[in-house]
Amino acid sequence: MKKTAKFTALLLALVMSLSLAACSNNPGADNSAPAANSQPAESTQPSAAPAENSAEPAGGGKYVVGICQLAPHVALDAATEGFIDALNEKLPGQVDIQNKNAAGDTPTCATIINGFVSDNVDLIMANATAPLQAAASATGTIPVLGTSITEYGVALGIDNFSGTVGTNVSGTSDLAPLDQQAQMIKDWYPDAKTVGLIYCSAEPNSQYQVDNVQKYLEDMGYACTQYPFSDTNDMASVVQNAVDNSDVLYVPTDNTAANNTGIINNICQGVKPVFAGEEGICGGCGVATLSISYYDIGYKTGEMAAQILTGEADISTMPIEYAPQFVKKYNPVTCEALNITVPDGYVAIDVQ
């Protein structure tokens, strides 16, 4: 009996084993849950070829782009807006944009940029000279695109700048033709004798502009004097000195001046005409300007960023881009205060 019982038990075990094996080979069985630490089998089907110049980030994630804007200002705000619009249009839903503002503080620019570098973002957009200088110093590998930069050779200390930086830096310039800015003063005030050039000495691009405008004005017969201020602490006294000793004033594209047009306007309004390097300054305290669209140069910068992120372009070979067109504009409020007749060909600025 014992032998029979043992034989019967062995026979039952064999039947159960065969039954389980049959279940495991059943095509309808649910075997979707892999064992722990198991790896999916490689597909034997050929993978689809990637689309040419595909904008899909590696791993299916999003590109991370860091924006550092020097200060809140109508021109810089417009450039940032154009940049973001272009990225969202060229790479819809594929970019995580981290937009930060340094509130006019240069050390804060470095802090923001260093944070982007630590996070290993895919691209940095530097809006104005101080963020560009901080980014160029902080990284030699992450692509850096500048905008609202007057002259890259001056900003980056490049002698005999050819128009292409040749490293991980490129971007767009807000420089309007300086000879035409000087001619603008001649058109409005041909009988003036002296021109005062007001700018912030801490901004190398401002120095570049006034040096060159001065050459053009002196060739036209004007006597020019530079009136640099170091910051807002001595700005009012410097502007007052320029007003007292000049027939006409000129302010270049200068971030400190742009953020403090009220100081200039309080001293010059109805007293002396101010010609400006860009529309934002002109709208705050000026008479006329040769204007560019900051939105347009920001948008162009965004297009460049999309090309870099997708691998369509190599930033080291991308030349600096300039505004495609310039518009003569005037400030109707300041012109009325000075009782000035506006020359033909100028468009009124919408002063709020």
Protein backbone atom coordinates (compact mmCIF):
# COMPACT_ATOMS: atom_id res chain seq x y z
CA MET A 1 0.00 0.00 0.00
CA LYS A 2 2.80 2.39 0.82
CA LYS A 3 4.44 1.72 -2.53
CA THR A 4 1.12 2.24 -4.29
CA ALA A 5 0.57 5.56 -2.44
CA LYS A 6 4.03 6.78 -3.35
CA PHE A 7 3.52 5.84 -7.00
CA THR A 8 0.17 7.60 -7.05
CA ALA A 9 1.72 10.81 -5.53
CA LEU A 10 4.51 10.82 -8.12
CA LEU A 11 1.99 10.36 -10.92
CA LEU A 12 -0.12 13.28 -9.67
CA ALA A 13 2.99 15.55 -9.42
CA LEU A 14 3.93 14.71 -13.02
CA VAL A 15 0.45 15.52 -14.28
CA MET A 16 0.43 18.89 -12.47
CA SER A 17 3.87 19.80 -13.85
CA LEU A 18 2.76 19.07 -17.42
CA SER A 19 -0.40 21.13 -16.87
CA LEU A 20 1.55 24.19 -15.65
CA ALA A 21 3.95 23.98 -18.61
CA ALA A 22 1.00 23.95 -21.00
CA CYS A 23 -0.46 27.08 -19.34
CA SER A 24 2.80 28.99 -19.63
CA ASN A 25 2.90 28.37 -23.39
CA ASN A 26 -0.68 29.55 -23.89
CA PRO A 27 -0.71 32.56 -26.31
CA GLY A 28 -3.63 34.04 -24.45
CA ALA A 29 -1.93 34.04 -21.07
CA ASP A 30 -1.14 37.40 -19.39
CA ASN A 31 2.65 37.57 -19.11
CA SER A 32 2.91 41.38 -19.19
CA ALA A 33 4.44 41.92 -15.76
CA PRO A 34 8.20 41.35 -15.98
CA ALA A 35 10.19 39.94 -13.13
CA ALA A 36 12.01 42.38 -10.89
CA ASN A 37 15.15 43.95 -12.46
CA SER A 38 14.32 42.39 -15.82
CA GLN A 39 15.19 44.29 -19.01
CA PRO A 40 12.85 44.51 -22.01
CA ALA A 41 13.94 42.48 -24.95
CA GLU A 42 15.37 44.38 -27.89
CA SER A 43 12.97 44.75 -30.77
CA THR A 44 13.70 42.74 -33.84
CA GLN A 45 11.84 45.30 -35.97
CA PRO A 46 13.93 48.02 -37.67
CA SER A 47 13.50 51.42 -35.98
CA ALA A 48 12.06 54.30 -37.97
CA ALA A 49 14.63 56.72 -39.35
CA PRO A 50 14.65 60.05 -37.44
CA ALA A 51 13.16 63.02 -39.22
CA GLU A 52 15.71 65.34 -40.78
CA ASN A 53 16.60 68.24 -38.41
CA SER A 54 14.16 66.80 -35.87
CA ALA A 55 13.47 69.19 -33.00
CA GLU A 56 12.69 66.35 -30.58
CA PRO A 57 15.07 66.59 -27.59
CA ALA A 58 17.11 63.55 -26.66
CA GLY A 59 15.11 61.22 -24.43
CA GLY A 60 11.84 62.88 -25.35
CA GLY A 61 12.22 65.62 -22.74
CA LYS A 62 12.29 69.38 -23.15
CA TYR A 63 15.15 71.72 -23.98
CA VAL A 64 15.93 73.97 -21.02
CA VAL A 65 16.73 77.58 -21.91
CA GLY A 66 17.76 80.14 -19.32
CA ILE A 67 17.12 83.87 -19.90
CA CYS A 68 18.97 86.49 -17.90
CA GLN A 69 17.67 90.03 -18.52
CA LEU A 70 19.59 92.89 -16.96
CA ALA A 71 16.65 95.04 -15.88
CA PRO A 72 12.96 95.69 -16.45
CA HIS A 73 12.77 98.13 -19.35
CA VAL A 74 10.49 98.52 -22.36
CA ALA A 75 13.24 97.73 -24.88
CA LEU A 76 14.74 94.77 -23.03
CA ASP A 77 11.25 93.45 -22.23
CA ALA A 78 10.39 93.55 -25.95
CA ALA A 79 13.56 91.63 -26.85
CA THR A 80 12.78 88.91 -24.30
CA GLU A 81 9.19 88.70 -25.55
CA GLY A 82 10.35 88.29 -29.15
CA PHE A 83 12.85 85.61 -28.13
CA ILE A 84 10.23 83.58 -26.25
CA ASP A 85 7.69 83.93 -29.07
CA ALA A 86 10.18 82.67 -31.64
CA LEU A 87 11.19 79.65 -29.55
CA ASN A 88 7.58 78.70 -28.89
CA GLU A 89 6.74 79.01 -32.57
CA LYS A 90 9.77 77.11 -33.84
CA LEU A 91 9.75 74.42 -31.13
CA PRO A 92 6.16 74.29 -29.82
CA GLY A 93 5.87 72.51 -26.48
CA GLN A 94 9.51 71.46 -26.55
CA VAL A 95 11.22 74.19 -24.51
CA ASP A 96 11.26 74.85 -20.77
CA ILE A 97 12.09 78.57 -20.48
CA GLN A 98 13.50 79.92 -17.22
CA ASN A 99 13.13 83.70 -17.43
CA LYS A 100 14.99 85.67 -14.75
CA ASN A 101 15.58 89.41 -14.26
CA ALA A 102 18.58 90.91 -12.44
CA ALA A 103 16.71 94.15 -11.61
CA GLY A 104 19.61 96.25 -12.87
CA ASP A 105 22.20 94.67 -10.57
CA THR A 106 25.34 93.36 -12.31
CA PRO A 107 26.38 90.92 -9.53
CA THR A 108 22.90 89.41 -9.68
CA CYS A 109 23.49 88.69 -13.38
CA ALA A 110 26.47 86.53 -12.43
CA THR A 111 24.42 84.72 -9.78
CA ILE A 112 21.65 83.94 -12.27
CA ILE A 113 24.08 82.80 -14.95
CA ASN A 114 26.04 80.59 -12.55
CA GLY A 115 22.74 78.96 -11.57
CA PHE A 116 22.02 78.17 -15.21
CA VAL A 117 25.49 76.69 -15.64
CA SER A 118 25.10 74.56 -12.50
CA ASP A 119 21.79 73.28 -13.85
CA ASN A 120 23.49 72.51 -17.17
CA VAL A 121 20.80 74.22 -19.25
CA ASP A 122 20.85 73.64 -23.00
CA LEU A 123 21.21 77.33 -23.93
CA ILE A 124 21.54 80.74 -22.25
CA MET A 125 20.04 83.95 -23.61
CA ALA A 126 21.78 87.04 -22.22
CA ASN A 127 19.70 90.21 -22.62
CA ALA A 128 22.13 93.19 -22.37
CA THR A 129 25.87 93.51 -21.92
CA ALA A 130 26.28 92.57 -18.25
CA PRO A 131 24.49 89.20 -18.59
CA LEU A 132 26.48 88.46 -21.77
CA GLN A 133 29.80 89.15 -20.04
CA ALA A 134 28.76 87.00 -17.08
CA ALA A 135 27.73 84.11 -19.34
CA ALA A 136 30.87 84.28 -21.48
CA SER A 137 32.96 84.09 -18.30
CA ALA A 138 30.92 81.31 -16.70
CA THR A 139 30.87 78.75 -19.51
CA GLY A 140 32.78 77.82 -22.62
CA THR A 141 30.52 74.95 -23.60
CA ILE A 142 26.86 75.94 -23.14
CA PRO A 143 25.67 78.01 -26.15
CA VAL A 144 25.20 81.68 -25.22
CA LEU A 145 23.13 84.04 -27.36
CA GLY A 146 23.14 87.74 -26.60
CA THR A 147 20.63 90.37 -27.57
CA SER A 148 20.37 94.13 -26.98
CA ILE A 149 24.18 94.21 -27.26
CA THR A 150 25.63 97.18 -29.10
CA GLU A 151 29.06 95.89 -30.09
CA TYR A 152 30.24 92.36 -29.26
CA GLY A 153 33.92 93.10 -29.82
CA VAL A 154 33.78 95.81 -27.15
CA ALA A 155 31.58 93.81 -24.77
CA LEU A 156 33.83 90.74 -24.93
CA GLY A 157 37.19 92.50 -25.31
CA ILE A 158 37.88 91.17 -28.82
CA ASP A 159 40.35 93.23 -30.84
CA ASN A 160 39.63 93.70 -34.55
CA PHE A 161 36.27 91.99 -34.20
CA SER A 162 35.21 90.51 -37.55
CA GLY A 163 31.52 89.91 -36.82
CA THR A 164 31.76 86.28 -35.65
CA VAL A 165 32.90 85.51 -32.10
CA GLY A 166 34.02 81.99 -33.02
CA THR A 167 33.30 80.40 -29.63
CA ASN A 168 30.10 79.39 -27.84
CA VAL A 169 28.79 82.98 -28.13
CA SER A 170 26.74 84.70 -30.82
CA GLY A 171 23.56 86.78 -30.94
CA THR A 172 22.01 90.01 -32.18
CA SER A 173 22.97 93.67 -31.93
CA ASP A 174 20.84 96.73 -31.22
CA LEU A 175 23.31 99.12 -32.84
CA ALA A 176 21.73 101.69 -35.14
CA PRO A 177 24.12 103.38 -37.61
CA LEU A 178 26.05 105.95 -35.59
CA ASP A 179 26.76 108.16 -38.59
CA GLN A 180 23.01 108.43 -39.19
CA GLN A 181 22.44 109.29 -35.53
CA ALA A 182 24.91 112.14 -35.85
CA GLN A 183 23.21 113.27 -39.06
CA MET A 184 19.91 113.30 -37.21
CA ILE A 185 21.25 116.00 -34.88
CA LYS A 186 22.46 117.96 -37.90
CA ASP A 187 19.02 117.74 -39.51
CA TRP A 188 17.26 119.08 -36.43
CA TYR A 189 19.84 121.60 -35.17
CA PRO A 190 22.15 122.69 -38.01
CA ASP A 191 23.01 125.96 -36.23
CA ALA A 192 23.95 124.44 -32.87
CA LYS A 193 27.58 124.74 -31.79
CA THR A 194 28.06 122.33 -28.90
CA VAL A 195 26.87 118.78 -28.21
CA GLY A 196 27.05 117.13 -24.79
CA LEU A 197 27.40 113.35 -24.80
CA ILE A 198 25.87 111.80 -21.67
CA TYR A 199 26.50 108.14 -20.76
CA CYS A 200 27.37 105.71 -17.98
CA SER A 201 31.12 105.16 -17.68
CA ALA A 202 30.53 101.60 -16.40
CA GLU A 203 29.11 100.51 -19.76
CA PRO A 204 31.82 99.89 -22.40
CA ASN A 205 29.30 99.84 -25.25
CA SER A 206 28.14 103.32 -24.28
CA GLN A 207 31.71 104.55 -24.45
CA TYR A 208 32.04 102.99 -27.88
CA GLN A 209 28.94 104.78 -29.13
CA VAL A 210 29.80 108.25 -27.86
CA ASP A 211 33.37 107.98 -29.15
CA ASN A 212 32.14 107.23 -32.64
CA VAL A 213 29.23 109.68 -32.65
CA GLN A 214 31.65 112.36 -31.49
CA LYS A 215 33.89 111.73 -34.49
CA TYR A 216 30.98 112.12 -36.90
CA LEU A 217 29.72 115.26 -35.17
CA GLU A 218 33.14 116.87 -35.09
CA ASP A 219 33.48 116.21 -38.81
CA MET A 220 30.24 118.19 -39.18
CA GLY A 221 31.71 121.12 -37.24
CA TYR A 222 30.25 120.57 -33.78
CA ALA A 223 32.30 120.92 -30.60
CA CYS A 224 31.64 117.86 -28.44
CA THR A 225 32.19 117.16 -24.75
CA GLN A 226 31.68 113.82 -23.03
CA TYR A 227 29.79 113.82 -19.71
CA PRO A 228 30.13 110.38 -18.10
CA PHE A 229 28.33 109.50 -14.88
CA SER A 230 29.32 106.52 -12.74
CA ASP A 231 25.83 105.56 -11.50
CA THR A 232 22.55 107.12 -10.44
CA ASN A 233 24.23 108.88 -7.50
CA ASP A 234 26.04 111.41 -9.70
CA MET A 235 23.73 111.21 -12.72
CA ALA A 236 21.69 114.34 -11.96
CA SER A 237 24.72 116.56 -11.37
CA VAL A 238 26.42 115.33 -14.56
CA VAL A 239 23.28 115.91 -16.64
CA GLN A 240 22.87 119.39 -15.18
CA ASN A 241 26.47 120.22 -16.07
CA ALA A 242 25.90 119.01 -19.62
CA VAL A 243 22.72 121.11 -19.92
CA ASP A 244 24.54 124.22 -18.68
CA ASN A 245 27.34 123.86 -21.23
CA SER A 246 25.73 122.36 -24.35
CA ASP A 247 23.27 123.39 -27.06
CA VAL A 248 22.17 119.81 -27.74
CA LEU A 249 22.51 116.55 -25.78
CA TYR A 250 23.00 112.98 -26.97
CA VAL A 251 22.38 109.80 -24.95
CA PRO A 252 23.45 106.49 -26.53
CA THR A 253 21.85 103.09 -26.05
CA ASP A 254 22.73 102.95 -22.35
CA ASN A 255 21.03 100.67 -19.82
CA THR A 256 21.56 102.93 -16.81
CA ALA A 257 20.18 105.93 -18.69
CA ALA A 258 17.28 103.83 -19.95
CA ASN A 259 16.32 102.90 -16.40
CA ASN A 260 16.53 106.52 -15.22
CA THR A 261 15.08 108.66 -18.01
CA GLY A 262 13.04 110.47 -15.38
CA ILE A 263 16.20 112.03 -13.95
CA ILE A 264 17.25 113.28 -17.37
CA ASN A 265 13.76 114.46 -18.26
CA ASN A 266 13.33 116.44 -15.04
CA ILE A 267 16.42 118.46 -15.89
CA CYS A 268 16.08 118.75 -19.68
CA GLN A 269 12.31 118.96 -20.31
CA GLY A 270 11.57 122.26 -22.02
CA VAL A 271 15.19 123.37 -21.57
CA LYS A 272 17.50 121.41 -23.91
CA PRO A 273 16.85 118.82 -26.63
CA VAL A 274 18.05 115.26 -26.06
CA PHE A 275 18.70 112.88 -28.96
CA ALA A 276 18.68 109.21 -28.04
CA GLY A 277 20.21 105.99 -29.29
CA GLU A 278 16.97 104.04 -28.95
CA GLU A 279 13.22 104.51 -28.69
CA GLY A 280 12.78 103.69 -25.00
CA ILE A 281 15.14 106.47 -23.91
CA CYS A 282 13.62 108.85 -26.43
CA GLY A 283 10.14 108.13 -25.12
CA GLY A 284 11.29 108.93 -21.61
CA CYS A 285 13.32 112.08 -22.12
CA GLY A 286 14.29 112.60 -25.76
CA VAL A 287 13.34 114.55 -28.84
CA ALA A 288 14.16 112.07 -31.60
CA THR A 289 15.86 108.76 -32.28
CA LEU A 290 16.81 106.38 -35.05
CA SER A 291 14.80 103.43 -33.81
CA ILE A 292 14.98 99.67 -34.19
CA SER A 293 12.47 97.05 -33.08
CA TYR A 294 13.77 95.24 -30.00
CA TYR A 295 11.03 92.68 -30.44
CA ASP A 296 12.42 91.89 -33.90
CA ILE A 297 16.01 91.39 -32.74
CA GLY A 298 14.75 89.27 -29.85
CA TYR A 299 12.71 87.19 -32.28
CA LYS A 300 15.76 86.73 -34.50
CA THR A 301 17.72 85.57 -31.46
CA GLY A 302 15.00 83.01 -30.76
CA GLU A 303 15.24 81.72 -34.31
CA MET A 304 18.99 81.34 -33.87
CA ALA A 305 18.40 79.47 -30.60
CA ALA A 306 16.05 76.99 -32.28
CA GLN A 307 18.66 76.27 -34.95
CA ILE A 308 21.34 75.67 -32.31
CA LEU A 309 19.17 73.43 -30.12
CA THR A 310 18.14 71.19 -33.01
CA GLY A 311 21.67 70.92 -34.35
CA GLU A 312 20.84 72.78 -37.53
CA ALA A 313 23.52 75.41 -36.86
CA ASP A 314 26.89 75.60 -35.09
CA ILE A 315 27.03 78.65 -32.83
CA SER A 316 30.78 79.05 -33.33
CA THR A 317 30.20 79.90 -37.00
CA MET A 318 27.10 82.08 -36.56
CA PRO A 319 27.79 85.78 -37.25
CA ILE A 320 26.21 88.52 -35.17
CA GLU A 321 22.87 89.60 -36.66
CA TYR A 322 21.72 93.23 -36.88
CA ALA A 323 18.33 94.91 -37.06
CA PRO A 324 16.97 94.78 -40.62
CA GLN A 325 15.53 98.31 -40.64
CA PHE A 326 15.60 101.63 -38.80
CA VAL A 327 12.82 104.16 -38.33
CA LYS A 328 13.14 107.87 -37.57
CA LYS A 329 10.92 108.65 -34.58
CA TYR A 330 10.17 111.67 -32.41
CA ASN A 331 8.64 112.34 -29.01
CA PRO A 332 5.64 114.68 -29.49
CA VAL A 333 5.57 115.70 -25.82
CA THR A 334 9.16 116.94 -25.63
CA CYS A 335 8.93 118.52 -29.07
CA GLU A 336 5.90 120.51 -27.95
CA ALA A 337 7.65 121.55 -24.74
CA LEU A 338 10.58 122.89 -26.77
CA ASN A 339 8.34 124.34 -29.51
CA ILE A 340 10.20 122.35 -32.17
CA THR A 341 9.03 121.87 -35.75
CA VAL A 342 9.50 118.20 -36.63
CA PRO A 343 11.37 117.54 -39.91
CA ASP A 344 9.69 115.43 -42.58
CA GLY A 345 10.02 111.67 -42.44
CA TYR A 346 9.65 111.18 -38.67
CA VAL A 347 7.04 108.99 -36.97
CA ALA A 348 5.58 109.93 -33.59
CA ILE A 349 6.34 107.72 -30.58
CA ASP A 350 3.26 106.67 -28.66
CA VAL A 351 4.16 108.25 -25.31
CA GLN A 352 1.97 107.02 -22.49
